[in-house]
Amino acid sequence: MTRVSYSSDIKWSVIKDKLAGKLTTKEILAKYNIKHRSQINTWMRWYKNNELYRFDQPVGKQYSYGQGPEGKSEQEMKDRKMMHLEMENEILKKFLAIKKELNGK
């Protein structure tokens, strides 16, 4: 059995699809050809715990001190952080819209 490595783009796409709630976990597994749902759960846990550096880690490589792969430019790290904050902003907007809709009824 070989290890499967997913690109950070796939990981972020999965997170975005999962947070949007438009696809079920089974549909996400099929769409991105992911072997098991626990992989999605792991990525979601990383996202919720704000461990964004883990999305760029290669398989089996753990970064305890620098919290991220060497060689990433500061601009790339800022871009990742910006993408994370934009996703959070989208989620908050959806939450507030739902809250407003429920309070209005």
Protein backbone atom coordinates (compact mmCIF):
# COMPACT_ATOMS: atom_id res chain seq x y z
CA MET A 1 0.00 0.00 0.00
CA THR A 2 1.41 3.38 -0.98
CA ARG A 3 0.88 6.73 0.62
CA VAL A 4 -1.15 9.23 -1.31
CA SER A 5 -0.07 12.84 -1.29
CA TYR A 6 -2.57 15.60 -1.97
CA SER A 7 -1.54 19.06 -3.11
CA SER A 8 -2.29 22.03 -0.92
CA ASP A 9 -4.65 23.30 -3.64
CA ILE A 10 -6.77 20.15 -3.32
CA LYS A 11 -6.75 20.43 0.47
CA TRP A 12 -7.94 24.05 0.32
CA SER A 13 -10.58 23.19 -2.28
CA VAL A 14 -11.90 20.42 -0.05
CA ILE A 15 -12.05 22.79 2.93
CA LYS A 16 -13.88 25.39 0.86
CA ASP A 17 -16.41 22.83 -0.46
CA LYS A 18 -16.96 21.40 3.01
CA LEU A 19 -17.51 24.82 4.59
CA ALA A 20 -19.87 25.87 1.80
CA GLY A 21 -22.04 22.85 2.62
CA LYS A 22 -23.10 22.30 -0.97
CA LEU A 23 -21.51 18.85 -1.26
CA THR A 24 -21.75 15.86 1.05
CA THR A 25 -18.62 14.17 2.31
CA LYS A 26 -19.18 11.28 -0.12
CA GLU A 27 -19.46 13.70 -3.03
CA ILE A 28 -16.26 15.46 -1.97
CA LEU A 29 -14.47 12.09 -1.72
CA ALA A 30 -15.54 11.24 -5.26
CA LYS A 31 -14.85 14.69 -6.71
CA TYR A 32 -11.26 14.86 -5.44
CA ASN A 33 -10.56 11.11 -5.50
CA ILE A 34 -9.80 10.96 -1.78
CA LYS A 35 -9.56 7.49 -0.29
CA HIS A 36 -11.17 7.95 3.13
CA ARG A 37 -13.30 10.49 4.95
CA SER A 38 -10.87 10.65 7.87
CA GLN A 39 -8.55 12.62 5.59
CA ILE A 40 -11.17 15.34 5.23
CA ASN A 41 -11.75 15.31 8.99
CA THR A 42 -8.02 15.79 9.56
CA TRP A 43 -7.87 18.77 7.19
CA MET A 44 -10.94 20.30 8.81
CA ARG A 45 -9.34 19.89 12.25
CA TRP A 46 -6.19 21.63 11.00
CA TYR A 47 -8.29 24.47 9.61
CA LYS A 48 -10.35 24.89 12.78
CA ASN A 49 -7.22 24.83 14.96
CA ASN A 50 -5.60 27.47 12.71
CA GLU A 51 -2.74 25.10 11.81
CA LEU A 52 -2.53 26.46 8.27
CA TYR A 53 1.16 25.60 7.89
CA ARG A 54 0.19 21.91 7.84
CA PHE A 55 -1.51 22.23 4.44
CA ASP A 56 1.90 22.66 2.80
CA GLN A 57 3.66 19.83 4.64
CA PRO A 58 4.83 16.85 2.63
CA VAL A 59 3.69 13.38 3.74
CA GLY A 60 5.32 12.25 6.96
CA LYS A 61 7.16 15.53 7.53
CA GLN A 62 6.44 17.27 10.81
CA TYR A 63 7.57 20.81 11.56
CA SER A 64 7.64 21.49 15.25
CA TYR A 65 9.78 24.61 15.41
CA GLY A 66 9.34 26.62 12.22
CA GLN A 67 5.78 25.50 11.61
CA GLY A 68 6.07 25.21 7.90
CA PRO A 69 8.17 24.03 5.01
CA GLU A 70 11.41 25.81 4.38
CA GLY A 71 11.67 27.67 1.12
CA LYS A 72 8.23 29.26 1.23
CA SER A 73 8.51 32.93 0.52
CA GLU A 74 6.99 35.45 2.84
CA GLN A 75 4.60 36.51 0.07
CA GLU A 76 3.33 32.92 -0.33
CA MET A 77 2.75 32.69 3.40
CA LYS A 78 0.87 36.02 3.36
CA ASP A 79 -1.22 34.82 0.41
CA ARG A 80 -2.20 31.66 2.32
CA LYS A 81 -3.11 33.67 5.39
CA MET A 82 -5.14 36.08 3.24
CA MET A 83 -7.01 33.16 1.66
CA HIS A 84 -7.75 31.78 5.13
CA LEU A 85 -9.08 35.13 6.34
CA GLU A 86 -11.23 35.54 3.22
CA MET A 87 -12.76 32.11 3.83
CA GLU A 88 -13.49 33.05 7.45
CA ASN A 89 -15.09 36.28 6.27
CA GLU A 90 -17.33 34.37 3.83
CA ILE A 91 -18.41 32.01 6.61
CA LEU A 92 -19.22 34.88 8.96
CA LYS A 93 -21.24 36.64 6.27
CA LYS A 94 -23.25 33.46 5.66
CA PHE A 95 -23.78 33.02 9.39
CA LEU A 96 -24.99 36.59 9.83
CA ALA A 97 -27.33 36.26 6.84
CA ILE A 98 -28.85 33.07 8.28
CA LYS A 99 -29.13 34.67 11.73
CA LYS A 100 -30.85 37.72 10.25
CA GLU A 101 -33.22 35.50 8.27
CA LEU A 102 -34.13 33.47 11.36
CA ASN A 103 -34.64 36.55 13.53
CA GLY A 104 -36.78 38.15 10.85
CA LYS A 105 -39.26 35.28 10.81
